[in-house]
Amino acid sequence: MTELLEKQASPRPAARESRAEATPGEPAHLELAAVSLRYGEVRALENVSLRVPRGSIVALIGANGAGKSSSLRAITGLRKVAAGEVRLEGRVINSRDTQEPTHALVRQGVAMVPEGRHVFPYMSIKDNLLMGAYTRRDKAGIATDLERVCERFPRLKERFHQHGSSLSGGEQQMVAIGRALMAKPRLLLLDEPSLGIAPQVIRLIGRSLLEINRKDGITVVLVEQNSRMALALSSYAYVLETGRVALEGPSKELMTNEHVKRLYLGG
């Protein structure tokens, strides 16, 4: 992971208490404003506010049950919020009065890599990847993006016609990320991409996410229990505890924060 830290050489904002800022005069690519979310009587999120500037990598870290995945469900409209607003490029997509359908968000440039990968086991890798392009009609563009995914993850090209069930966990994660990229997103959401994957594959996926962000200009929201990886890849991070934002700041500085080191970095 030191290698990832060295690769994350772009400037980061100085220490401050205020949240990550979008370009002046421009709305954040994604924003949660005082969002609360419940499962029946269980409170999953309480008054959560965060912002994701366009073209950035922002991480959400925390323990199991802290509210990280619930934040993604609020963003994607898989769960209606109880209070507050989720805004995509300044437009409300989830509130008590509004809930944008998930398929509509895909057409607006939002794609998600779910926890557990959810690769179709009896479909080939090629067909799994093409499922990500189901909203597109540009055949030439789809073919070009399919080739780009295979260039990014050469192992997929080698196993192009194998069933998804025959792949290792790391290879399935490559398929899941590639499938999301086939939707041609401007905002990519990832839920625990390192879960159950060998360390060398984690490093490969980390480098790929940096490339996706820097070369393709895709905004990334990274939800991870692997806090060291998440902070190494991101420029800004939020620490969630029991459904609330307990701490936030530039990722480089959170790496040296005593609270974060003690609870999340094994320090």
C-alpha atoms as a PDB file:
ATOM      1  CA  MET A   1       0.000   0.000   0.000  1.00  0.00           C
ATOM      2  CA  THR A   2       3.027   2.272   0.325  1.00  0.00           C
ATOM      3  CA  GLU A   3       3.210   2.067  -3.466  1.00  0.00           C
ATOM      4  CA  LEU A   4      -0.297   3.465  -3.709  1.00  0.00           C
ATOM      5  CA  LEU A   5       0.578   6.294  -1.364  1.00  0.00           C
ATOM      6  CA  GLU A   6       3.526   7.202  -3.537  1.00  0.00           C
ATOM      7  CA  LYS A   7       1.367   7.161  -6.649  1.00  0.00           C
ATOM      8  CA  GLN A   8      -1.203   9.474  -5.050  1.00  0.00           C
ATOM      9  CA  ALA A   9       1.026  12.474  -5.627  1.00  0.00           C
ATOM     10  CA  SER A  10      -1.526  15.064  -6.699  1.00  0.00           C
ATOM     11  CA  PRO A  11      -1.889  18.054  -4.332  1.00  0.00           C
ATOM     12  CA  ARG A  12      -4.366  17.742  -1.485  1.00  0.00           C
ATOM     13  CA  PRO A  13      -6.164  20.502   0.359  1.00  0.00           C
ATOM     14  CA  ALA A  14      -4.637  21.836   3.532  1.00  0.00           C
ATOM     15  CA  ALA A  15      -6.075  20.904   6.911  1.00  0.00           C
ATOM     16  CA  ARG A  16      -9.391  22.506   7.684  1.00  0.00           C
ATOM     17  CA  GLU A  17     -12.642  21.840   9.452  1.00  0.00           C
ATOM     18  CA  SER A  18     -14.948  22.616   6.508  1.00  0.00           C
ATOM     19  CA  ARG A  19     -16.006  19.939   4.025  1.00  0.00           C
ATOM     20  CA  ALA A  20     -14.440  19.151   0.668  1.00  0.00           C
ATOM     21  CA  GLU A  21     -15.166  21.995  -1.687  1.00  0.00           C
ATOM     22  CA  ALA A  22     -16.357  22.020  -5.277  1.00  0.00           C
ATOM     23  CA  THR A  23     -15.000  24.542  -7.778  1.00  0.00           C
ATOM     24  CA  PRO A  24     -16.343  28.002  -6.818  1.00  0.00           C
ATOM     25  CA  GLY A  25     -19.670  28.682  -8.534  1.00  0.00           C
ATOM     26  CA  GLU A  26     -20.093  25.020  -9.475  1.00  0.00           C
ATOM     27  CA  PRO A  27     -22.227  22.506  -7.518  1.00  0.00           C
ATOM     28  CA  ALA A  28     -20.497  19.432  -6.158  1.00  0.00           C
ATOM     29  CA  HIS A  29     -20.802  16.385  -8.382  1.00  0.00           C
ATOM     30  CA  LEU A  30     -22.559  14.655  -5.484  1.00  0.00           C
ATOM     31  CA  GLU A  31     -23.837  15.981  -2.189  1.00  0.00           C
ATOM     32  CA  LEU A  32     -25.679  14.569   0.801  1.00  0.00           C
ATOM     33  CA  ALA A  33     -27.327  17.308   2.866  1.00  0.00           C
ATOM     34  CA  ALA A  34     -28.451  16.321   6.392  1.00  0.00           C
ATOM     35  CA  VAL A  35     -29.543  12.877   5.200  1.00  0.00           C
ATOM     36  CA  SER A  36     -31.228  10.429   7.558  1.00  0.00           C
ATOM     37  CA  LEU A  37     -32.199   6.903   6.539  1.00  0.00           C
ATOM     38  CA  ARG A  38     -34.008   4.156   8.430  1.00  0.00           C
ATOM     39  CA  TYR A  39     -34.835   0.482   8.116  1.00  0.00           C
ATOM     40  CA  GLY A  40     -38.101   0.310   9.991  1.00  0.00           C
ATOM     41  CA  GLU A  41     -37.268   1.546  13.480  1.00  0.00           C
ATOM     42  CA  VAL A  42     -33.540   1.105  12.997  1.00  0.00           C
ATOM     43  CA  ARG A  43     -31.578   4.291  12.321  1.00  0.00           C
ATOM     44  CA  ALA A  44     -28.918   3.682   9.660  1.00  0.00           C
ATOM     45  CA  LEU A  45     -27.970   7.317   8.911  1.00  0.00           C
ATOM     46  CA  GLU A  46     -28.575  10.412  11.004  1.00  0.00           C
ATOM     47  CA  ASN A  47     -28.007  13.920   9.654  1.00  0.00           C
ATOM     48  CA  VAL A  48     -25.184  12.871   7.315  1.00  0.00           C
ATOM     49  CA  SER A  49     -23.731  15.628   5.140  1.00  0.00           C
ATOM     50  CA  LEU A  50     -20.925  15.128   2.651  1.00  0.00           C
ATOM     51  CA  ARG A  51     -19.851  16.509  -0.695  1.00  0.00           C
ATOM     52  CA  VAL A  52     -17.893  15.002  -3.549  1.00  0.00           C
ATOM     53  CA  PRO A  53     -16.208  17.496  -5.895  1.00  0.00           C
ATOM     54  CA  ARG A  54     -16.190  16.666  -9.584  1.00  0.00           C
ATOM     55  CA  GLY A  55     -13.167  14.606 -10.623  1.00  0.00           C
ATOM     56  CA  SER A  56     -12.165  13.649  -7.069  1.00  0.00           C
ATOM     57  CA  ILE A  57     -11.839  10.388  -5.148  1.00  0.00           C
ATOM     58  CA  VAL A  58     -13.675  10.598  -1.830  1.00  0.00           C
ATOM     59  CA  ALA A  59     -13.633   7.736   0.685  1.00  0.00           C
ATOM     60  CA  LEU A  60     -16.160   6.663   3.309  1.00  0.00           C
ATOM     61  CA  ILE A  61     -14.553   4.553   6.018  1.00  0.00           C
ATOM     62  CA  GLY A  62     -15.813   3.021   9.232  1.00  0.00           C
ATOM     63  CA  ALA A  63     -16.647  -0.253  10.940  1.00  0.00           C
ATOM     64  CA  ASN A  64     -19.385  -2.681   9.940  1.00  0.00           C
ATOM     65  CA  GLY A  65     -22.794  -1.107  10.477  1.00  0.00           C
ATOM     66  CA  ALA A  66     -21.405   2.442  10.511  1.00  0.00           C
ATOM     67  CA  GLY A  67     -23.627   3.535   7.606  1.00  0.00           C
ATOM     68  CA  LYS A  68     -21.245   3.319   4.656  1.00  0.00           C
ATOM     69  CA  SER A  69     -23.345   1.026   2.461  1.00  0.00           C
ATOM     70  CA  SER A  70     -26.530   2.798   3.564  1.00  0.00           C
ATOM     71  CA  SER A  71     -25.022   6.015   2.210  1.00  0.00           C
ATOM     72  CA  LEU A  72     -24.663   4.321  -1.182  1.00  0.00           C
ATOM     73  CA  ARG A  73     -28.252   3.074  -1.011  1.00  0.00           C
ATOM     74  CA  ALA A  74     -29.387   6.637  -0.390  1.00  0.00           C
ATOM     75  CA  ILE A  75     -27.312   7.905  -3.320  1.00  0.00           C
ATOM     76  CA  THR A  76     -28.587   5.272  -5.761  1.00  0.00           C
ATOM     77  CA  GLY A  77     -32.216   5.505  -4.670  1.00  0.00           C
ATOM     78  CA  LEU A  78     -32.278   1.899  -3.480  1.00  0.00           C
ATOM     79  CA  ARG A  79     -33.628   3.297  -0.221  1.00  0.00           C
ATOM     80  CA  LYS A  80     -35.743   6.421   0.238  1.00  0.00           C
ATOM     81  CA  VAL A  81     -34.307   8.866   2.754  1.00  0.00           C
ATOM     82  CA  ALA A  82     -36.269   9.816   5.860  1.00  0.00           C
ATOM     83  CA  ALA A  83     -34.910  13.374   5.902  1.00  0.00           C
ATOM     84  CA  GLY A  84     -32.483  15.579   4.017  1.00  0.00           C
ATOM     85  CA  GLU A  85     -31.536  15.532   0.335  1.00  0.00           C
ATOM     86  CA  VAL A  86     -29.212  13.720  -2.015  1.00  0.00           C
ATOM     87  CA  ARG A  87     -28.138  15.969  -4.905  1.00  0.00           C
ATOM     88  CA  LEU A  88     -26.482  14.969  -8.165  1.00  0.00           C
ATOM     89  CA  GLU A  89     -24.860  17.925  -9.918  1.00  0.00           C
ATOM     90  CA  GLY A  90     -27.082  20.263  -7.905  1.00  0.00           C
ATOM     91  CA  ARG A  91     -30.363  18.441  -8.644  1.00  0.00           C
ATOM     92  CA  VAL A  92     -32.295  16.595  -5.919  1.00  0.00           C
ATOM     93  CA  ILE A  93     -32.466  12.864  -6.671  1.00  0.00           C
ATOM     94  CA  ASN A  94     -33.569  11.514  -3.278  1.00  0.00           C
ATOM     95  CA  SER A  95     -35.545  13.227  -0.533  1.00  0.00           C
ATOM     96  CA  ARG A  96     -38.787  12.662   1.356  1.00  0.00           C
ATOM     97  CA  ASP A  97     -40.643  14.032  -1.682  1.00  0.00           C
ATOM     98  CA  THR A  98     -38.418  12.808  -4.540  1.00  0.00           C
ATOM     99  CA  GLN A  99     -36.889   9.452  -5.417  1.00  0.00           C
ATOM    100  CA  GLU A 100     -35.169   9.168  -8.778  1.00  0.00           C
ATOM    101  CA  PRO A 101     -35.409   5.605 -10.174  1.00  0.00           C
ATOM    102  CA  THR A 102     -32.092   3.774 -10.128  1.00  0.00           C
ATOM    103  CA  HIS A 103     -32.191   2.995 -13.851  1.00  0.00           C
ATOM    104  CA  ALA A 104     -32.626   6.710 -14.563  1.00  0.00           C
ATOM    105  CA  LEU A 105     -29.473   7.464 -12.570  1.00  0.00           C
ATOM    106  CA  VAL A 106     -27.510   5.021 -14.734  1.00  0.00           C
ATOM    107  CA  ARG A 107     -28.533   7.041 -17.795  1.00  0.00           C
ATOM    108  CA  GLN A 108     -27.365  10.167 -15.962  1.00  0.00           C
ATOM    109  CA  GLY A 109     -23.867   8.786 -15.544  1.00  0.00           C
ATOM    110  CA  VAL A 110     -23.991   6.985 -12.180  1.00  0.00           C
ATOM    111  CA  ALA A 111     -22.677   3.414 -11.871  1.00  0.00           C
ATOM    112  CA  MET A 112     -22.125   1.230  -8.832  1.00  0.00           C
ATOM    113  CA  VAL A 113     -19.881  -1.731  -8.090  1.00  0.00           C
ATOM    114  CA  PRO A 114     -21.813  -3.581  -5.357  1.00  0.00           C
ATOM    115  CA  GLU A 115     -20.368  -5.399  -2.376  1.00  0.00           C
ATOM    116  CA  GLY A 116     -19.976  -9.069  -3.208  1.00  0.00           C
ATOM    117  CA  ARG A 117     -19.477  -8.345  -6.936  1.00  0.00           C
ATOM    118  CA  HIS A 118     -22.708 -10.097  -8.100  1.00  0.00           C
ATOM    119  CA  VAL A 119     -21.243 -11.483 -11.298  1.00  0.00           C
ATOM    120  CA  PHE A 120     -23.721 -13.523 -13.370  1.00  0.00           C
ATOM    121  CA  PRO A 121     -22.309 -17.049 -12.809  1.00  0.00           C
ATOM    122  CA  TYR A 122     -23.505 -18.759 -16.003  1.00  0.00           C
ATOM    123  CA  MET A 123     -22.765 -15.926 -18.391  1.00  0.00           C
ATOM    124  CA  SER A 124     -19.414 -15.421 -20.083  1.00  0.00           C
ATOM    125  CA  ILE A 125     -17.121 -12.613 -19.011  1.00  0.00           C
ATOM    126  CA  LYS A 126     -17.917 -10.849 -22.280  1.00  0.00           C
ATOM    127  CA  ASP A 127     -21.657 -11.019 -21.666  1.00  0.00           C
ATOM    128  CA  ASN A 128     -21.219  -9.950 -18.030  1.00  0.00           C
ATOM    129  CA  LEU A 129     -19.366  -6.859 -19.223  1.00  0.00           C
ATOM    130  CA  LEU A 130     -21.932  -6.093 -21.919  1.00  0.00           C
ATOM    131  CA  MET A 131     -24.688  -6.136 -19.295  1.00  0.00           C
ATOM    132  CA  GLY A 132     -23.208  -2.886 -18.041  1.00  0.00           C
ATOM    133  CA  ALA A 133     -23.969  -1.236 -21.392  1.00  0.00           C
ATOM    134  CA  TYR A 134     -27.653  -2.161 -21.455  1.00  0.00           C
ATOM    135  CA  THR A 135     -28.779   1.488 -21.499  1.00  0.00           C
ATOM    136  CA  ARG A 136     -26.497   2.374 -24.438  1.00  0.00           C
ATOM    137  CA  ARG A 137     -27.256   2.237 -28.159  1.00  0.00           C
ATOM    138  CA  ASP A 138     -23.876   3.340 -29.563  1.00  0.00           C
ATOM    139  CA  LYS A 139     -22.523   0.016 -30.861  1.00  0.00           C
ATOM    140  CA  ALA A 140     -19.167   1.430 -31.935  1.00  0.00           C
ATOM    141  CA  GLY A 141     -18.682   3.130 -28.556  1.00  0.00           C
ATOM    142  CA  ILE A 142     -19.615  -0.070 -26.720  1.00  0.00           C
ATOM    143  CA  ALA A 143     -17.062  -2.062 -28.728  1.00  0.00           C
ATOM    144  CA  THR A 144     -14.371   0.546 -28.005  1.00  0.00           C
ATOM    145  CA  ASP A 145     -15.129   0.583 -24.277  1.00  0.00           C
ATOM    146  CA  LEU A 146     -15.164  -3.221 -24.146  1.00  0.00           C
ATOM    147  CA  GLU A 147     -11.664  -3.239 -25.600  1.00  0.00           C
ATOM    148  CA  ARG A 148     -10.530  -0.578 -23.104  1.00  0.00           C
ATOM    149  CA  VAL A 149     -11.804  -2.659 -20.185  1.00  0.00           C
ATOM    150  CA  CYS A 150      -9.848  -5.654 -21.485  1.00  0.00           C
ATOM    151  CA  GLU A 151      -6.732  -3.508 -21.830  1.00  0.00           C
ATOM    152  CA  ARG A 152      -7.174  -2.330 -18.244  1.00  0.00           C
ATOM    153  CA  PHE A 153      -7.746  -5.890 -16.970  1.00  0.00           C
ATOM    154  CA  PRO A 154      -5.852  -8.233 -19.335  1.00  0.00           C
ATOM    155  CA  ARG A 155      -6.916 -11.310 -17.358  1.00  0.00           C
ATOM    156  CA  LEU A 156     -10.486 -10.754 -18.524  1.00  0.00           C
ATOM    157  CA  LYS A 157      -9.436 -10.910 -22.162  1.00  0.00           C
ATOM    158  CA  GLU A 158      -7.633 -14.201 -21.496  1.00  0.00           C
ATOM    159  CA  ARG A 159     -10.827 -15.666 -19.993  1.00  0.00           C
ATOM    160  CA  PHE A 160     -13.284 -13.826 -22.233  1.00  0.00           C
ATOM    161  CA  HIS A 161     -15.551 -16.810 -22.911  1.00  0.00           C
ATOM    162  CA  GLN A 162     -15.367 -18.471 -19.506  1.00  0.00           C
ATOM    163  CA  HIS A 163     -18.362 -18.448 -17.167  1.00  0.00           C
ATOM    164  CA  GLY A 164     -18.304 -15.945 -14.329  1.00  0.00           C
ATOM    165  CA  SER A 165     -18.500 -18.798 -11.800  1.00  0.00           C
ATOM    166  CA  SER A 166     -15.074 -20.076 -12.898  1.00  0.00           C
ATOM    167  CA  LEU A 167     -13.258 -16.899 -11.840  1.00  0.00           C
ATOM    168  CA  SER A 168     -11.401 -16.128  -8.632  1.00  0.00           C
ATOM    169  CA  GLY A 169     -12.717 -13.421  -6.312  1.00  0.00           C
ATOM    170  CA  GLY A 170     -10.212 -10.904  -7.658  1.00  0.00           C
ATOM    171  CA  GLU A 171     -11.117 -11.679 -11.261  1.00  0.00           C
ATOM    172  CA  GLN A 172     -14.813 -11.339 -10.444  1.00  0.00           C
ATOM    173  CA  GLN A 173     -14.089  -7.926  -8.943  1.00  0.00           C
ATOM    174  CA  MET A 174     -12.378  -6.910 -12.185  1.00  0.00           C
ATOM    175  CA  VAL A 175     -15.521  -8.000 -14.051  1.00  0.00           C
ATOM    176  CA  ALA A 176     -17.730  -5.998 -11.668  1.00  0.00           C
ATOM    177  CA  ILE A 177     -15.635  -2.850 -12.121  1.00  0.00           C
ATOM    178  CA  GLY A 178     -15.437  -3.380 -15.884  1.00  0.00           C
ATOM    179  CA  ARG A 179     -19.200  -3.892 -16.068  1.00  0.00           C
ATOM    180  CA  ALA A 180     -19.763  -0.581 -14.273  1.00  0.00           C
ATOM    181  CA  LEU A 181     -17.351   1.180 -16.649  1.00  0.00           C
ATOM    182  CA  MET A 182     -19.311  -0.161 -19.625  1.00  0.00           C
ATOM    183  CA  ALA A 183     -22.167   2.122 -18.529  1.00  0.00           C
ATOM    184  CA  LYS A 184     -19.831   5.054 -19.333  1.00  0.00           C
ATOM    185  CA  PRO A 185     -20.249   6.662 -15.907  1.00  0.00           C
ATOM    186  CA  ARG A 186     -19.183  10.093 -14.761  1.00  0.00           C
ATOM    187  CA  LEU A 187     -19.661   9.027 -11.126  1.00  0.00           C
ATOM    188  CA  LEU A 188     -18.483   5.597  -9.964  1.00  0.00           C
ATOM    189  CA  LEU A 189     -19.564   4.205  -6.590  1.00  0.00           C
ATOM    190  CA  LEU A 190     -17.675   1.239  -5.118  1.00  0.00           C
ATOM    191  CA  ASP A 191     -18.800  -0.789  -2.111  1.00  0.00           C
ATOM    192  CA  GLU A 192     -15.960  -2.722  -0.431  1.00  0.00           C
ATOM    193  CA  PRO A 193     -13.973  -3.566  -3.605  1.00  0.00           C
ATOM    194  CA  SER A 194     -11.112  -5.147  -1.605  1.00  0.00           C
ATOM    195  CA  LEU A 195     -13.348  -7.576   0.329  1.00  0.00           C
ATOM    196  CA  GLY A 196     -12.075 -11.152   0.141  1.00  0.00           C
ATOM    197  CA  ILE A 197      -9.362 -10.385  -2.429  1.00  0.00           C
ATOM    198  CA  ALA A 198      -5.666 -11.279  -2.371  1.00  0.00           C
ATOM    199  CA  PRO A 199      -3.262  -8.398  -1.548  1.00  0.00           C
ATOM    200  CA  GLN A 200      -1.611  -8.369  -4.991  1.00  0.00           C
ATOM    201  CA  VAL A 201      -5.011  -8.058  -6.676  1.00  0.00           C
ATOM    202  CA  ILE A 202      -5.985  -5.276  -4.264  1.00  0.00           C
ATOM    203  CA  ARG A 203      -2.928  -3.335  -5.433  1.00  0.00           C
ATOM    204  CA  LEU A 204      -3.913  -3.892  -9.077  1.00  0.00           C
ATOM    205  CA  ILE A 205      -7.448  -2.686  -8.430  1.00  0.00           C
ATOM    206  CA  GLY A 206      -6.131   0.322  -6.507  1.00  0.00           C
ATOM    207  CA  ARG A 207      -3.905   1.345  -9.408  1.00  0.00           C
ATOM    208  CA  SER A 208      -6.823   0.866 -11.797  1.00  0.00           C
ATOM    209  CA  LEU A 209      -9.064   3.152  -9.730  1.00  0.00           C
ATOM    210  CA  LEU A 210      -6.422   5.885  -9.775  1.00  0.00           C
ATOM    211  CA  GLU A 211      -6.159   5.522 -13.548  1.00  0.00           C
ATOM    212  CA  ILE A 212      -9.942   5.569 -13.984  1.00  0.00           C
ATOM    213  CA  ASN A 213     -10.076   8.788 -11.978  1.00  0.00           C
ATOM    214  CA  ARG A 214      -7.064  10.562 -13.477  1.00  0.00           C
ATOM    215  CA  LYS A 215      -7.146   9.473 -17.114  1.00  0.00           C
ATOM    216  CA  ASP A 216     -10.890   9.123 -17.617  1.00  0.00           C
ATOM    217  CA  GLY A 217     -11.908  11.968 -15.295  1.00  0.00           C
ATOM    218  CA  ILE A 218     -14.448   9.826 -13.460  1.00  0.00           C
ATOM    219  CA  THR A 219     -15.483  10.949  -9.980  1.00  0.00           C
ATOM    220  CA  VAL A 220     -15.130   8.090  -7.476  1.00  0.00           C
ATOM    221  CA  VAL A 221     -16.842   7.407  -4.152  1.00  0.00           C
ATOM    222  CA  LEU A 222     -15.025   4.588  -2.385  1.00  0.00           C
ATOM    223  CA  VAL A 223     -16.648   2.758   0.532  1.00  0.00           C
ATOM    224  CA  GLU A 224     -14.081   0.584   2.309  1.00  0.00           C
ATOM    225  CA  GLN A 225     -13.368  -1.199   5.570  1.00  0.00           C
ATOM    226  CA  ASN A 226      -9.771  -1.373   4.364  1.00  0.00           C
ATOM    227  CA  SER A 227      -9.161   2.114   5.664  1.00  0.00           C
ATOM    228  CA  ARG A 228      -5.487   2.193   4.775  1.00  0.00           C
ATOM    229  CA  MET A 229      -6.274   1.464   1.129  1.00  0.00           C
ATOM    230  CA  ALA A 230      -9.148   3.957   1.051  1.00  0.00           C
ATOM    231  CA  LEU A 231      -7.071   6.784   2.528  1.00  0.00           C
ATOM    232  CA  ALA A 232      -4.150   6.005   0.212  1.00  0.00           C
ATOM    233  CA  LEU A 233      -6.342   6.286  -2.882  1.00  0.00           C
ATOM    234  CA  SER A 234      -8.572   9.225  -1.943  1.00  0.00           C
ATOM    235  CA  SER A 235      -7.943  12.942  -1.523  1.00  0.00           C
ATOM    236  CA  TYR A 236     -10.671  13.487   1.086  1.00  0.00           C
ATOM    237  CA  ALA A 237     -12.448  11.110   3.452  1.00  0.00           C
ATOM    238  CA  TYR A 238     -15.342  10.833   5.883  1.00  0.00           C
ATOM    239  CA  VAL A 239     -15.303   8.585   8.933  1.00  0.00           C
ATOM    240  CA  LEU A 240     -18.759   7.196   9.729  1.00  0.00           C
ATOM    241  CA  GLU A 241     -19.616   5.875  13.180  1.00  0.00           C
ATOM    242  CA  THR A 242     -23.091   4.593  14.125  1.00  0.00           C
ATOM    243  CA  GLY A 243     -24.732   6.388  11.208  1.00  0.00           C
ATOM    244  CA  ARG A 244     -23.101   9.782  11.726  1.00  0.00           C
ATOM    245  CA  VAL A 245     -20.077  11.599  10.326  1.00  0.00           C
ATOM    246  CA  ALA A 246     -17.631  11.423  13.226  1.00  0.00           C
ATOM    247  CA  LEU A 247     -14.655  12.914  11.414  1.00  0.00           C
ATOM    248  CA  GLU A 248     -13.684  14.266   8.001  1.00  0.00           C
ATOM    249  CA  GLY A 249     -10.688  15.821   6.331  1.00  0.00           C
ATOM    250  CA  PRO A 250      -7.948  15.446   3.737  1.00  0.00           C
ATOM    251  CA  SER A 251      -7.047  11.765   3.544  1.00  0.00           C
ATOM    252  CA  LYS A 252      -3.333  12.360   4.065  1.00  0.00           C
ATOM    253  CA  GLU A 253      -4.048  14.050   7.384  1.00  0.00           C
ATOM    254  CA  LEU A 254      -6.550  11.443   8.539  1.00  0.00           C
ATOM    255  CA  MET A 255      -3.770   8.868   8.069  1.00  0.00           C
ATOM    256  CA  THR A 256      -1.938  10.551  10.963  1.00  0.00           C
ATOM    257  CA  ASN A 257      -5.004  11.283  13.112  1.00  0.00           C
ATOM    258  CA  GLU A 258      -4.673   9.416  16.423  1.00  0.00           C
ATOM    259  CA  HIS A 259      -8.353   8.422  16.551  1.00  0.00           C
ATOM    260  CA  VAL A 260      -8.235   7.032  13.009  1.00  0.00           C
ATOM    261  CA  LYS A 261      -4.888   5.298  13.590  1.00  0.00           C
ATOM    262  CA  ARG A 262      -6.127   3.623  16.763  1.00  0.00           C
ATOM    263  CA  LEU A 263      -9.502   2.426  15.460  1.00  0.00           C
ATOM    264  CA  TYR A 264      -8.996   1.893  11.741  1.00  0.00           C
ATOM    265  CA  LEU A 265      -5.289   1.599  10.922  1.00  0.00           C
ATOM    266  CA  GLY A 266      -4.103  -0.706  13.683  1.00  0.00           C
ATOM    267  CA  GLY A 267      -1.843   1.987  15.106  1.00  0.00           C
END
